[in-house]
Structures are given as C-alpha cells and as structure tokens.
PDB file of N, CA and C in Angstrom:
ATOM      1  N   UNK A   1      80.708 225.915 -50.739  1.00  0.00           N
ATOM      2  CA  UNK A   1      81.103 226.541 -49.804  1.00  0.00           C
ATOM      3  C   UNK A   1      81.738 227.793 -49.962  1.00  0.00           C
ATOM      4  N   UNK A   2      81.618 228.611 -48.936  1.00  0.00           N
ATOM      5  CA  UNK A   2      82.601 229.901 -49.055  1.00  0.00           C
ATOM      6  C   UNK A   2      83.414 230.109 -47.732  1.00  0.00           C
ATOM      7  N   UNK A   3      84.680 230.808 -47.964  1.00  0.00           N
ATOM      8  CA  UNK A   3      85.370 231.082 -46.907  1.00  0.00           C
ATOM      9  C   UNK A   3      85.754 232.821 -46.688  1.00  0.00           C
ATOM     10  N   UNK A   4      85.140 233.279 -45.759  1.00  0.00           N
ATOM     11  CA  UNK A   4      85.670 234.667 -45.589  1.00  0.00           C
ATOM     12  C   UNK A   4      87.128 234.750 -45.094  1.00  0.00           C
ATOM     13  N   UNK A   5      87.739 236.018 -45.186  1.00  0.00           N
ATOM     14  CA  UNK A   5      89.272 236.161 -45.093  1.00  0.00           C
ATOM     15  C   UNK A   5      89.056 236.281 -43.405  1.00  0.00           C
ATOM     16  N   UNK A   6      88.221 236.459 -42.609  1.00  0.00           N
ATOM     17  CA  UNK A   6      88.535 236.385 -41.179  1.00  0.00           C
ATOM     18  C   UNK A   6      88.095 234.771 -40.771  1.00  0.00           C
ATOM     19  N   UNK A   7      88.074 234.122 -41.581  1.00  0.00           N
ATOM     20  CA  UNK A   7      87.919 232.640 -40.913  1.00  0.00           C
ATOM     21  C   UNK A   7      86.692 231.989 -40.997  1.00  0.00           C
ATOM     22  N   UNK A   8      85.527 232.828 -41.075  1.00  0.00           N
ATOM     23  CA  UNK A   8      84.213 232.268 -40.954  1.00  0.00           C
ATOM     24  C   UNK A   8      84.378 231.082 -42.245  1.00  0.00           C
ATOM     25  N   UNK A   9      83.510 230.081 -42.203  1.00  0.00           N
ATOM     26  CA  UNK A   9      83.225 229.151 -43.537  1.00  0.00           C
ATOM     27  C   UNK A   9      81.831 228.957 -43.469  1.00  0.00           C
ATOM     28  N   UNK A  10      81.078 229.134 -44.681  1.00  0.00           N
ATOM     29  CA  UNK A  10      79.802 228.875 -44.848  1.00  0.00           C
ATOM     30  C   UNK A  10      79.610 227.744 -45.896  1.00  0.00           C
ATOM     31  N   UNK A  11      78.915 226.872 -45.659  1.00  0.00           N
ATOM     32  CA  UNK A  11      78.385 225.285 -46.294  1.00  0.00           C
ATOM     33  C   UNK A  11      76.605 225.502 -46.628  1.00  0.00           C
ATOM     34  N   UNK A  12      76.540 225.787 -47.340  1.00  0.00           N
ATOM     35  CA  UNK A  12      75.064 225.903 -47.797  1.00  0.00           C
ATOM     36  C   UNK A  12      74.644 226.596 -49.186  1.00  0.00           C
ATOM     37  N   UNK A  13      73.291 226.753 -48.913  1.00  0.00           N
ATOM     38  CA  UNK A  13      72.233 227.574 -50.010  1.00  0.00           C
ATOM     39  C   UNK A  13      72.840 228.833 -50.210  1.00  0.00           C
ATOM     40  N   UNK A  14      73.143 229.443 -51.955  1.00  0.00           N
ATOM     41  CA  UNK A  14      73.216 230.938 -51.977  1.00  0.00           C
ATOM     42  C   UNK A  14      72.053 231.204 -53.002  1.00  0.00           C
ATOM     43  N   UNK A  15      71.237 232.515 -52.775  1.00  0.00           N
ATOM     44  CA  UNK A  15      70.367 232.880 -54.103  1.00  0.00           C
ATOM     45  C   UNK A  15      70.803 234.237 -54.460  1.00  0.00           C
ATOM     46  N   UNK A  16      71.115 234.794 -55.614  1.00  0.00           N
ATOM     47  CA  UNK A  16      71.964 236.065 -55.946  1.00  0.00           C
ATOM     48  C   UNK A  16      72.872 236.394 -55.058  1.00  0.00           C
ATOM     49  N   UNK A  17      74.030 235.279 -54.709  1.00  0.00           N
ATOM     50  CA  UNK A  17      75.110 235.513 -54.127  1.00  0.00           C
ATOM     51  C   UNK A  17      74.563 235.985 -52.453  1.00  0.00           C
ATOM     52  N   UNK A  18      73.378 235.631 -52.172  1.00  0.00           N
ATOM     53  CA  UNK A  18      73.567 235.954 -50.440  1.00  0.00           C
ATOM     54  C   UNK A  18      72.925 234.698 -50.044  1.00  0.00           C
ATOM     55  N   UNK A  19      73.419 234.847 -48.713  1.00  0.00           N
ATOM     56  CA  UNK A  19      73.139 233.366 -47.896  1.00  0.00           C
ATOM     57  C   UNK A  19      71.534 232.912 -47.602  1.00  0.00           C
ATOM     58  N   UNK A  20      70.763 232.026 -48.604  1.00  0.00           N
ATOM     59  CA  UNK A  20      69.875 231.949 -48.464  1.00  0.00           C
ATOM     60  C   UNK A  20      69.347 230.515 -48.542  1.00  0.00           C
ATOM     61  N   UNK A  21      68.233 230.275 -47.860  1.00  0.00           N
ATOM     62  CA  UNK A  21      68.069 228.436 -47.887  1.00  0.00           C
ATOM     63  C   UNK A  21      68.209 228.204 -46.547  1.00  0.00           C
ATOM     64  N   UNK A  22      68.875 226.748 -46.510  1.00  0.00           N
ATOM     65  CA  UNK A  22      69.511 225.914 -45.277  1.00  0.00           C
ATOM     66  C   UNK A  22      71.138 225.806 -45.217  1.00  0.00           C
ATOM     67  N   UNK A  23      71.918 226.585 -44.480  1.00  0.00           N
ATOM     68  CA  UNK A  23      73.446 226.219 -44.273  1.00  0.00           C
ATOM     69  C   UNK A  23      73.734 226.429 -43.268  1.00  0.00           C
ATOM     70  N   UNK A  24      74.896 226.262 -43.126  1.00  0.00           N
ATOM     71  CA  UNK A  24      75.754 225.902 -42.110  1.00  0.00           C
ATOM     72  C   UNK A  24      77.325 227.274 -41.595  1.00  0.00           C
ATOM     73  N   UNK A  25      76.714 227.973 -40.751  1.00  0.00           N
ATOM     74  CA  UNK A  25      78.059 229.253 -40.677  1.00  0.00           C
ATOM     75  C   UNK A  25      78.943 228.756 -39.429  1.00  0.00           C
ATOM     76  N   UNK A  26      80.325 228.823 -39.827  1.00  0.00           N
ATOM     77  CA  UNK A  26      81.015 228.170 -38.656  1.00  0.00           C
ATOM     78  C   UNK A  26      82.143 229.388 -38.635  1.00  0.00           C
ATOM     79  N   UNK A  27      82.366 230.114 -37.244  1.00  0.00           N
ATOM     80  CA  UNK A  27      83.067 230.953 -36.842  1.00  0.00           C
ATOM     81  C   UNK A  27      84.368 230.257 -36.330  1.00  0.00           C
ATOM     82  N   UNK A  28      85.463 231.503 -36.641  1.00  0.00           N
ATOM     83  CA  UNK A  28      86.978 231.085 -36.553  1.00  0.00           C
ATOM     84  C   UNK A  28      87.208 230.393 -34.905  1.00  0.00           C
ATOM     85  N   UNK A  29      86.707 230.994 -33.893  1.00  0.00           N
ATOM     86  CA  UNK A  29      86.363 230.722 -32.324  1.00  0.00           C
ATOM     87  C   UNK A  29      85.453 229.233 -32.183  1.00  0.00           C
ATOM     88  N   UNK A  30      85.062 228.736 -33.326  1.00  0.00           N
ATOM     89  CA  UNK A  30      84.388 227.387 -33.231  1.00  0.00           C
ATOM     90  C   UNK A  30      82.686 227.350 -32.771  1.00  0.00           C
ATOM     91  N   UNK A  31      82.334 228.849 -32.724  1.00  0.00           N
ATOM     92  CA  UNK A  31      80.691 228.927 -32.542  1.00  0.00           C
ATOM     93  C   UNK A  31      80.045 228.416 -34.206  1.00  0.00           C
ATOM     94  N   UNK A  32      78.774 228.117 -34.297  1.00  0.00           N
ATOM     95  CA  UNK A  32      78.402 227.625 -35.254  1.00  0.00           C
ATOM     96  C   UNK A  32      76.673 227.643 -35.134  1.00  0.00           C
ATOM     97  N   UNK A  33      76.270 228.087 -36.489  1.00  0.00           N
ATOM     98  CA  UNK A  33      74.981 228.316 -36.654  1.00  0.00           C
ATOM     99  C   UNK A  33      74.642 227.294 -38.180  1.00  0.00           C
ATOM    100  N   UNK A  34      73.484 226.592 -37.413  1.00  0.00           N
ATOM    101  CA  UNK A  34      72.895 225.733 -38.781  1.00  0.00           C
ATOM    102  C   UNK A  34      71.558 225.846 -38.613  1.00  0.00           C
ATOM    103  N   UNK A  35      71.075 226.455 -39.696  1.00  0.00           N
ATOM    104  CA  UNK A  35      69.449 226.784 -40.119  1.00  0.00           C
ATOM    105  C   UNK A  35      69.429 227.557 -41.132  1.00  0.00           C
ATOM    106  N   UNK A  36      68.225 227.886 -40.910  1.00  0.00           N
ATOM    107  CA  UNK A  36      67.410 228.634 -42.096  1.00  0.00           C
ATOM    108  C   UNK A  36      68.217 230.097 -42.483  1.00  0.00           C
ATOM    109  N   UNK A  37      68.377 230.638 -43.604  1.00  0.00           N
ATOM    110  CA  UNK A  37      68.941 231.697 -43.912  1.00  0.00           C
ATOM    111  C   UNK A  37      67.968 232.768 -44.790  1.00  0.00           C
ATOM    112  N   UNK A  38      67.749 234.420 -44.684  1.00  0.00           N
ATOM    113  CA  UNK A  38      67.203 234.725 -45.720  1.00  0.00           C
ATOM    114  C   UNK A  38      67.989 236.250 -45.680  1.00  0.00           C
ATOM    115  N   UNK A  39      68.618 236.434 -47.068  1.00  0.00           N
ATOM    116  CA  UNK A  39      69.466 237.517 -47.247  1.00  0.00           C
ATOM    117  C   UNK A  39      70.720 237.792 -46.408  1.00  0.00           C
ATOM    118  N   UNK A  40      71.157 236.731 -46.153  1.00  0.00           N
ATOM    119  CA  UNK A  40      72.740 237.001 -45.232  1.00  0.00           C
ATOM    120  C   UNK A  40      72.297 236.970 -43.347  1.00  0.00           C
ATOM    121  N   UNK A  41      71.163 236.324 -43.195  1.00  0.00           N
ATOM    122  CA  UNK A  41      70.606 236.500 -42.041  1.00  0.00           C
ATOM    123  C   UNK A  41      69.889 235.467 -41.547  1.00  0.00           C
ATOM    124  N   UNK A  42      70.343 235.228 -40.639  1.00  0.00           N
ATOM    125  CA  UNK A  42      69.344 233.971 -39.746  1.00  0.00           C
ATOM    126  C   UNK A  42      68.296 234.066 -39.767  1.00  0.00           C
ATOM    127  N   UNK A  43      67.182 233.232 -39.867  1.00  0.00           N
ATOM    128  CA  UNK A  43      66.107 233.848 -40.148  1.00  0.00           C
ATOM    129  C   UNK A  43      64.836 232.643 -40.340  1.00  0.00           C
ATOM    130  N   UNK A  44      64.506 231.909 -39.589  1.00  0.00           N
ATOM    131  CA  UNK A  44      63.589 230.749 -39.553  1.00  0.00           C
ATOM    132  C   UNK A  44      63.909 229.893 -38.718  1.00  0.00           C
ATOM    133  N   UNK A  45      64.084 228.799 -38.636  1.00  0.00           N
ATOM    134  CA  UNK A  45      64.569 227.689 -37.499  1.00  0.00           C
ATOM    135  C   UNK A  45      65.857 227.195 -37.554  1.00  0.00           C
ATOM    136  N   UNK A  46      66.818 227.560 -36.583  1.00  0.00           N
ATOM    137  CA  UNK A  46      68.265 227.056 -36.556  1.00  0.00           C
ATOM    138  C   UNK A  46      68.695 226.707 -35.038  1.00  0.00           C
ATOM    139  N   UNK A  47      70.061 226.240 -34.866  1.00  0.00           N
ATOM    140  CA  UNK A  47      70.577 225.902 -33.869  1.00  0.00           C
ATOM    141  C   UNK A  47      71.942 226.440 -33.810  1.00  0.00           C
ATOM    142  N   UNK A  48      72.280 227.192 -32.645  1.00  0.00           N
ATOM    143  CA  UNK A  48      73.526 227.884 -32.489  1.00  0.00           C
ATOM    144  C   UNK A  48      74.074 227.232 -31.279  1.00  0.00           C
ATOM    145  N   UNK A  49      75.414 226.952 -31.709  1.00  0.00           N
ATOM    146  CA  UNK A  49      76.190 226.188 -30.831  1.00  0.00           C
ATOM    147  C   UNK A  49      77.312 227.001 -30.379  1.00  0.00           C
ATOM    148  N   UNK A  50      77.888 226.999 -28.876  1.00  0.00           N
ATOM    149  CA  UNK A  50      79.402 227.455 -28.532  1.00  0.00           C
ATOM    150  C   UNK A  50      80.136 226.402 -28.379  1.00  0.00           C
ATOM    151  N   UNK A  51      81.713 226.571 -28.080  1.00  0.00           N
ATOM    152  CA  UNK A  51      82.452 225.588 -27.844  1.00  0.00           C
ATOM    153  C   UNK A  51      82.281 225.339 -26.375  1.00  0.00           C
ATOM    154  N   UNK A  52      81.858 226.195 -25.467  1.00  0.00           N
ATOM    155  CA  UNK A  52      81.677 226.220 -24.253  1.00  0.00           C
ATOM    156  C   UNK A  52      80.269 225.385 -23.895  1.00  0.00           C
ATOM    157  N   UNK A  53      79.860 224.943 -24.629  1.00  0.00           N
ATOM    158  CA  UNK A  53      78.615 223.750 -24.438  1.00  0.00           C
ATOM    159  C   UNK A  53      77.000 224.474 -24.565  1.00  0.00           C
ATOM    160  N   UNK A  54      77.481 225.864 -24.708  1.00  0.00           N
ATOM    161  CA  UNK A  54      75.797 226.862 -24.762  1.00  0.00           C
ATOM    162  C   UNK A  54      75.244 226.432 -25.818  1.00  0.00           C
ATOM    163  N   UNK A  55      73.797 226.011 -26.122  1.00  0.00           N
ATOM    164  CA  UNK A  55      73.174 225.834 -27.364  1.00  0.00           C
ATOM    165  C   UNK A  55      72.095 226.818 -27.324  1.00  0.00           C
ATOM    166  N   UNK A  56      71.683 227.086 -28.500  1.00  0.00           N
ATOM    167  CA  UNK A  56      69.914 227.629 -28.953  1.00  0.00           C
ATOM    168  C   UNK A  56      69.582 226.866 -29.847  1.00  0.00           C
ATOM    169  N   UNK A  57      68.330 226.513 -29.527  1.00  0.00           N
ATOM    170  CA  UNK A  57      67.740 225.634 -30.884  1.00  0.00           C
ATOM    171  C   UNK A  57      66.046 226.586 -30.996  1.00  0.00           C
ATOM    172  N   UNK A  58      65.815 227.169 -32.024  1.00  0.00           N
ATOM    173  CA  UNK A  58      64.788 227.711 -32.255  1.00  0.00           C
ATOM    174  C   UNK A  58      64.481 228.791 -33.428  1.00  0.00           C
ATOM    175  N   UNK A  59      63.622 229.493 -33.007  1.00  0.00           N
ATOM    176  CA  UNK A  59      63.407 230.232 -34.412  1.00  0.00           C
ATOM    177  C   UNK A  59      64.134 231.627 -34.078  1.00  0.00           C
ATOM    178  N   UNK A  60      64.473 232.207 -35.358  1.00  0.00           N
ATOM    179  CA  UNK A  60      65.134 233.648 -35.479  1.00  0.00           C
ATOM    180  C   UNK A  60      64.333 234.342 -36.669  1.00  0.00           C
ATOM    181  N   UNK A  61      64.611 235.722 -36.182  1.00  0.00           N
ATOM    182  CA  UNK A  61      64.134 236.574 -37.103  1.00  0.00           C
ATOM    183  C   UNK A  61      65.259 237.963 -37.331  1.00  0.00           C
ATOM    184  N   UNK A  62      65.854 238.044 -38.659  1.00  0.00           N
ATOM    185  CA  UNK A  62      66.669 239.120 -38.962  1.00  0.00           C
ATOM    186  C   UNK A  62      68.146 238.959 -37.867  1.00  0.00           C
ATOM    187  N   UNK A  63      68.201 237.856 -37.746  1.00  0.00           N
ATOM    188  CA  UNK A  63      69.688 237.804 -37.196  1.00  0.00           C
ATOM    189  C   UNK A  63      69.349 237.817 -35.460  1.00  0.00           C
ATOM    190  N   UNK A  64      68.306 237.568 -35.064  1.00  0.00           N
ATOM    191  CA  UNK A  64      67.965 237.326 -33.787  1.00  0.00           C
ATOM    192  C   UNK A  64      66.744 236.865 -33.045  1.00  0.00           C
ATOM    193  N   UNK A  65      66.938 235.919 -31.823  1.00  0.00           N
ATOM    194  CA  UNK A  65      66.252 235.095 -31.389  1.00  0.00           C
ATOM    195  C   UNK A  65      64.646 235.811 -31.415  1.00  0.00           C
ATOM    196  N   UNK A  66      63.697 235.020 -32.158  1.00  0.00           N
ATOM    197  CA  UNK A  66      62.486 235.460 -32.227  1.00  0.00           C
ATOM    198  C   UNK A  66      61.624 234.403 -32.437  1.00  0.00           C
ATOM    199  N   UNK A  67      60.654 234.231 -31.209  1.00  0.00           N
ATOM    200  CA  UNK A  67      59.695 233.268 -31.491  1.00  0.00           C
ATOM    201  C   UNK A  67      59.754 232.166 -30.393  1.00  0.00           C
ATOM    202  N   UNK A  68      59.752 230.962 -30.466  1.00  0.00           N
ATOM    203  CA  UNK A  68      59.806 229.747 -29.671  1.00  0.00           C
ATOM    204  C   UNK A  68      61.497 229.370 -29.918  1.00  0.00           C
ATOM    205  N   UNK A  69      62.136 229.153 -28.543  1.00  0.00           N
ATOM    206  CA  UNK A  69      63.323 228.887 -28.837  1.00  0.00           C
ATOM    207  C   UNK A  69      63.673 227.917 -27.094  1.00  0.00           C
ATOM    208  N   UNK A  70      64.668 227.728 -27.301  1.00  0.00           N
ATOM    209  CA  UNK A  70      65.287 226.777 -26.057  1.00  0.00           C
ATOM    210  C   UNK A  70      66.671 226.905 -25.729  1.00  0.00           C
ATOM    211  N   UNK A  71      67.091 227.553 -25.026  1.00  0.00           N
ATOM    212  CA  UNK A  71      68.564 227.937 -24.489  1.00  0.00           C
ATOM    213  C   UNK A  71      69.188 226.969 -23.160  1.00  0.00           C
ATOM    214  N   UNK A  72      70.031 226.391 -23.553  1.00  0.00           N
ATOM    215  CA  UNK A  72      70.658 226.065 -22.561  1.00  0.00           C
ATOM    216  C   UNK A  72      72.290 225.737 -22.440  1.00  0.00           C
ATOM    217  N   UNK A  73      72.575 225.641 -20.930  1.00  0.00           N
ATOM    218  CA  UNK A  73      73.830 225.938 -20.631  1.00  0.00           C
ATOM    219  C   UNK A  73      74.594 224.584 -20.267  1.00  0.00           C
ATOM    220  N   UNK A  74      75.977 224.638 -20.235  1.00  0.00           N
ATOM    221  CA  UNK A  74      76.736 223.637 -19.781  1.00  0.00           C
ATOM    222  C   UNK A  74      76.409 222.993 -18.660  1.00  0.00           C
ATOM    223  N   UNK A  75      75.797 223.913 -17.762  1.00  0.00           N
ATOM    224  CA  UNK A  75      75.951 223.506 -16.137  1.00  0.00           C
ATOM    225  C   UNK A  75      73.916 222.887 -15.868  1.00  0.00           C
ATOM    226  N   UNK A  76      73.312 223.088 -17.153  1.00  0.00           N
ATOM    227  CA  UNK A  76      72.047 222.343 -16.844  1.00  0.00           C
ATOM    228  C   UNK A  76      70.826 223.622 -16.634  1.00  0.00           C
ATOM    229  N   UNK A  77      71.589 224.983 -16.779  1.00  0.00           N
ATOM    230  CA  UNK A  77      70.534 225.845 -16.774  1.00  0.00           C
ATOM    231  C   UNK A  77      69.901 226.106 -18.143  1.00  0.00           C
ATOM    232  N   UNK A  78      68.587 226.604 -18.280  1.00  0.00           N
ATOM    233  CA  UNK A  78      67.503 226.298 -19.398  1.00  0.00           C
ATOM    234  C   UNK A  78      66.663 227.400 -19.241  1.00  0.00           C
ATOM    235  N   UNK A  79      66.527 228.052 -20.589  1.00  0.00           N
ATOM    236  CA  UNK A  79      65.061 228.665 -20.955  1.00  0.00           C
ATOM    237  C   UNK A  79      64.618 228.103 -21.932  1.00  0.00           C
ATOM    238  N   UNK A  80      63.521 228.051 -21.757  1.00  0.00           N
ATOM    239  CA  UNK A  80      62.333 227.178 -23.073  1.00  0.00           C
ATOM    240  C   UNK A  80      61.621 227.585 -23.163  1.00  0.00           C
ATOM    241  N   UNK A  81      61.205 228.754 -24.034  1.00  0.00           N
ATOM    242  CA  UNK A  81      60.080 229.653 -24.128  1.00  0.00           C
ATOM    243  C   UNK A  81      60.353 230.684 -25.171  1.00  0.00           C
ATOM    244  N   UNK A  82      59.321 231.766 -24.913  1.00  0.00           N
ATOM    245  CA  UNK A  82      59.273 233.298 -25.684  1.00  0.00           C
ATOM    246  C   UNK A  82      60.307 233.785 -26.110  1.00  0.00           C
ATOM    247  N   UNK A  83      60.699 234.455 -27.329  1.00  0.00           N
ATOM    248  CA  UNK A  83      61.886 235.461 -27.621  1.00  0.00           C
ATOM    249  C   UNK A  83      61.281 236.448 -28.363  1.00  0.00           C
ATOM    250  N   UNK A  84      61.802 237.654 -27.855  1.00  0.00           N
ATOM    251  CA  UNK A  84      61.090 238.736 -28.941  1.00  0.00           C
ATOM    252  C   UNK A  84      62.426 239.795 -29.232  1.00  0.00           C
ATOM    253  N   UNK A  85      63.006 239.838 -30.443  1.00  0.00           N
ATOM    254  CA  UNK A  85      64.034 240.794 -30.547  1.00  0.00           C
ATOM    255  C   UNK A  85      65.170 240.644 -30.102  1.00  0.00           C
ATOM    256  N   UNK A  86      65.677 239.423 -29.755  1.00  0.00           N
ATOM    257  CA  UNK A  86      66.958 238.674 -29.200  1.00  0.00           C
ATOM    258  C   UNK A  86      66.790 238.680 -27.750  1.00  0.00           C
ATOM    259  N   UNK A  87      65.801 238.910 -27.108  1.00  0.00           N
ATOM    260  CA  UNK A  87      65.380 238.820 -25.549  1.00  0.00           C
ATOM    261  C   UNK A  87      64.254 237.735 -24.934  1.00  0.00           C
ATOM    262  N   UNK A  88      64.653 237.095 -23.862  1.00  0.00           N
ATOM    263  CA  UNK A  88      63.804 236.547 -23.320  1.00  0.00           C
ATOM    264  C   UNK A  88      62.430 237.620 -23.235  1.00  0.00           C
ATOM    265  N   UNK A  89      61.205 236.799 -23.750  1.00  0.00           N
ATOM    266  CA  UNK A  89      59.948 237.823 -23.597  1.00  0.00           C
ATOM    267  C   UNK A  89      58.763 236.934 -23.737  1.00  0.00           C
ATOM    268  N   UNK A  90      57.915 236.832 -22.662  1.00  0.00           N
ATOM    269  CA  UNK A  90      56.574 235.886 -22.377  1.00  0.00           C
ATOM    270  C   UNK A  90      57.033 234.919 -21.533  1.00  0.00           C
ATOM    271  N   UNK A  91      56.144 233.848 -21.913  1.00  0.00           N
ATOM    272  CA  UNK A  91      56.192 232.539 -20.768  1.00  0.00           C
ATOM    273  C   UNK A  91      57.371 231.765 -21.320  1.00  0.00           C
ATOM    274  N   UNK A  92      57.682 231.028 -20.098  1.00  0.00           N
ATOM    275  CA  UNK A  92      58.877 229.982 -20.075  1.00  0.00           C
ATOM    276  C   UNK A  92      59.072 229.177 -19.224  1.00  0.00           C
ATOM    277  N   UNK A  93      59.513 228.173 -19.542  1.00  0.00           N
ATOM    278  CA  UNK A  93      59.829 227.020 -18.416  1.00  0.00           C
ATOM    279  C   UNK A  93      61.335 227.378 -18.105  1.00  0.00           C
ATOM    280  N   UNK A  94      61.993 227.484 -16.967  1.00  0.00           N
ATOM    281  CA  UNK A  94      63.169 227.981 -16.844  1.00  0.00           C
ATOM    282  C   UNK A  94      63.619 226.756 -15.559  1.00  0.00           C
ATOM    283  N   UNK A  95      65.031 226.651 -15.695  1.00  0.00           N
ATOM    284  CA  UNK A  95      65.807 225.583 -14.735  1.00  0.00           C
ATOM    285  C   UNK A  95      66.853 226.323 -14.557  1.00  0.00           C
ATOM    286  N   UNK A  96      66.991 226.668 -12.981  1.00  0.00           N
ATOM    287  CA  UNK A  96      68.451 227.060 -12.568  1.00  0.00           C
ATOM    288  C   UNK A  96      69.891 226.168 -12.951  1.00  0.00           C
ATOM    289  N   UNK A  97      69.588 224.932 -12.779  1.00  0.00           N
ATOM    290  CA  UNK A  97      70.643 224.150 -13.230  1.00  0.00           C
ATOM    291  C   UNK A  97      70.485 222.627 -13.068  1.00  0.00           C
ATOM    292  N   UNK A  98      71.326 221.789 -13.493  1.00  0.00           N
ATOM    293  CA  UNK A  98      70.871 220.409 -13.857  1.00  0.00           C
ATOM    294  C   UNK A  98      70.211 219.839 -12.593  1.00  0.00           C
ATOM    295  N   UNK A  99      70.193 220.178 -11.348  1.00  0.00           N
ATOM    296  CA  UNK A  99      69.744 219.344 -10.301  1.00  0.00           C
ATOM    297  C   UNK A  99      68.649 220.477  -9.571  1.00  0.00           C
ATOM    298  N   UNK A 100      67.875 221.606 -10.349  1.00  0.00           N
ATOM    299  CA  UNK A 100      66.776 222.074  -9.974  1.00  0.00           C
ATOM    300  C   UNK A 100      65.648 221.929 -10.770  1.00  0.00           C
ATOM    301  N   UNK A 101      64.535 222.260 -10.116  1.00  0.00           N
ATOM    302  CA  UNK A 101      63.332 221.686 -10.789  1.00  0.00           C
ATOM    303  C   UNK A 101      62.784 222.571 -11.682  1.00  0.00           C
ATOM    304  N   UNK A 102      62.065 222.726 -12.825  1.00  0.00           N
ATOM    305  CA  UNK A 102      61.720 223.258 -13.801  1.00  0.00           C
ATOM    306  C   UNK A 102      60.621 224.291 -13.412  1.00  0.00           C
ATOM    307  N   UNK A 103      60.623 225.730 -13.565  1.00  0.00           N
ATOM    308  CA  UNK A 103      59.417 226.484 -13.141  1.00  0.00           C
ATOM    309  C   UNK A 103      59.241 227.404 -14.203  1.00  0.00           C
ATOM    310  N   UNK A 104      57.876 227.636 -14.160  1.00  0.00           N
ATOM    311  CA  UNK A 104      57.331 228.354 -15.268  1.00  0.00           C
ATOM    312  C   UNK A 104      57.187 230.303 -15.076  1.00  0.00           C
ATOM    313  N   UNK A 105      57.690 230.849 -15.885  1.00  0.00           N
ATOM    314  CA  UNK A 105      57.707 232.245 -15.296  1.00  0.00           C
ATOM    315  C   UNK A 105      57.304 233.419 -16.398  1.00  0.00           C
ATOM    316  N   UNK A 106      57.507 234.679 -16.114  1.00  0.00           N
ATOM    317  CA  UNK A 106      57.245 235.571 -17.238  1.00  0.00           C
ATOM    318  C   UNK A 106      58.154 236.537 -17.019  1.00  0.00           C
ATOM    319  N   UNK A 107      58.704 236.640 -18.649  1.00  0.00           N
ATOM    320  CA  UNK A 107      59.674 237.749 -18.689  1.00  0.00           C
ATOM    321  C   UNK A 107      59.308 238.721 -19.485  1.00  0.00           C
ATOM    322  N   UNK A 108      59.992 240.058 -19.513  1.00  0.00           N
ATOM    323  CA  UNK A 108      59.962 241.072 -20.272  1.00  0.00           C
ATOM    324  C   UNK A 108      61.185 241.464 -20.524  1.00  0.00           C
ATOM    325  N   UNK A 109      61.379 241.683 -21.929  1.00  0.00           N
ATOM    326  CA  UNK A 109      62.723 242.481 -22.229  1.00  0.00           C
ATOM    327  C   UNK A 109      63.992 242.074 -21.808  1.00  0.00           C
ATOM    328  N   UNK A 110      63.959 240.338 -21.557  1.00  0.00           N
ATOM    329  CA  UNK A 110      65.445 239.808 -20.629  1.00  0.00           C
ATOM    330  C   UNK A 110      65.431 239.699 -19.473  1.00  0.00           C
ATOM    331  N   UNK A 111      64.117 240.216 -18.849  1.00  0.00           N
ATOM    332  CA  UNK A 111      64.060 240.295 -17.264  1.00  0.00           C
ATOM    333  C   UNK A 111      62.919 239.652 -16.858  1.00  0.00           C
ATOM    334  N   UNK A 112      63.399 238.575 -15.800  1.00  0.00           N
ATOM    335  CA  UNK A 112      62.029 237.867 -15.350  1.00  0.00           C
ATOM    336  C   UNK A 112      61.061 238.673 -14.101  1.00  0.00           C
ATOM    337  N   UNK A 113      60.009 238.823 -14.500  1.00  0.00           N
ATOM    338  CA  UNK A 113      59.002 239.491 -13.982  1.00  0.00           C
ATOM    339  C   UNK A 113      58.636 238.815 -12.919  1.00  0.00           C
ATOM    340  N   UNK A 114      58.395 237.607 -12.878  1.00  0.00           N
ATOM    341  CA  UNK A 114      57.570 236.845 -11.910  1.00  0.00           C
ATOM    342  C   UNK A 114      57.567 235.176 -12.071  1.00  0.00           C
ATOM    343  N   UNK A 115      57.333 234.744 -10.923  1.00  0.00           N
ATOM    344  CA  UNK A 115      57.048 233.252 -11.320  1.00  0.00           C
ATOM    345  C   UNK A 115      55.573 232.822 -11.407  1.00  0.00           C
ATOM    346  N   UNK A 116      55.134 232.032 -11.932  1.00  0.00           N
ATOM    347  CA  UNK A 116      53.414 231.686 -12.599  1.00  0.00           C
ATOM    348  C   UNK A 116      53.382 230.429 -11.614  1.00  0.00           C
ATOM    349  N   UNK A 117      52.037 230.549 -11.097  1.00  0.00           N
ATOM    350  CA  UNK A 117      51.363 229.162 -10.187  1.00  0.00           C
ATOM    351  C   UNK A 117      51.694 228.111 -10.975  1.00  0.00           C
ATOM    352  N   UNK A 118      51.430 227.102 -10.694  1.00  0.00           N
ATOM    353  CA  UNK A 118      51.596 225.838 -11.167  1.00  0.00           C
ATOM    354  C   UNK A 118      50.260 225.233 -10.844  1.00  0.00           C
ATOM    355  N   UNK A 119      49.584 224.155 -11.370  1.00  0.00           N
ATOM    356  CA  UNK A 119      48.600 223.382 -11.034  1.00  0.00           C
ATOM    357  C   UNK A 119      48.622 222.543  -9.669  1.00  0.00           C
ATOM    358  N   UNK A 120      50.131 222.376  -9.480  1.00  0.00           N
ATOM    359  CA  UNK A 120      50.708 221.684  -8.395  1.00  0.00           C
ATOM    360  C   UNK A 120      50.722 222.479  -7.002  1.00  0.00           C
ATOM    361  N   UNK A 121      50.547 223.615  -7.273  1.00  0.00           N
ATOM    362  CA  UNK A 121      50.782 224.786  -5.914  1.00  0.00           C
ATOM    363  C   UNK A 121      49.459 224.960  -5.359  1.00  0.00           C
TER     364      UNK A 121
END
C-alpha cells in the first residue's frame, strides 16, 4: 500500500516503482478506481466510482475511457457503448433516467448525432 501526501491511497501491484497490474486508487474525496494499471495510468478494464453514485465500468487507455464501457448515474441515466479518447463515440444504448426506455443512438466526440431505428419501429 502507498499513500501520497495529498491523501490518495493505492493498494495494488507495482513494477519498477510504477502502478502496474491490478490495484485500487482511492482519492481523498472518496472517488475510487479499481482495475488495471500500466505505467501509473488506468489502462485495461476497471471500475471508477464517485461518492454521489456515478459509476463507470469498462475499458481504459492511457487514463481515458476507451473501448466499451457503461456509465451510470444515480437517477438511472445510463450510457452503455463505445468510448474514444474519454468521450462517447460510436453506437450505444442510452437511458435518460430509471423510468425511461433504453434507446440506441450514434455519438461522435461526446455528442449524440442521432437515434437509430430499432427492429420494433
């Protein structure tokens, strides 16, 4: 276990004094990442949680959401799909809140371009 002066605590694997392998980093404000690390960066699969109930579970590349991942909010809002360079990008399933239906859409650089038709429409 390693503790920084700013209050962050890391419990996990190290290689050559780098966070490497699997580990959990907890921030002073309660945020936490548990998952894969490569050279001190979130890289691979992991789960990032916030104290307010937000949660991201998916893939990371060089400290950014990248690949497939699901981001959920306390109110039930959800984005489950592709990420590129930390932004929603590609096709995904989206729910506006816990009482809404899930819709499929297309995103580019974090912006929804359009809703995609489903077989039911």
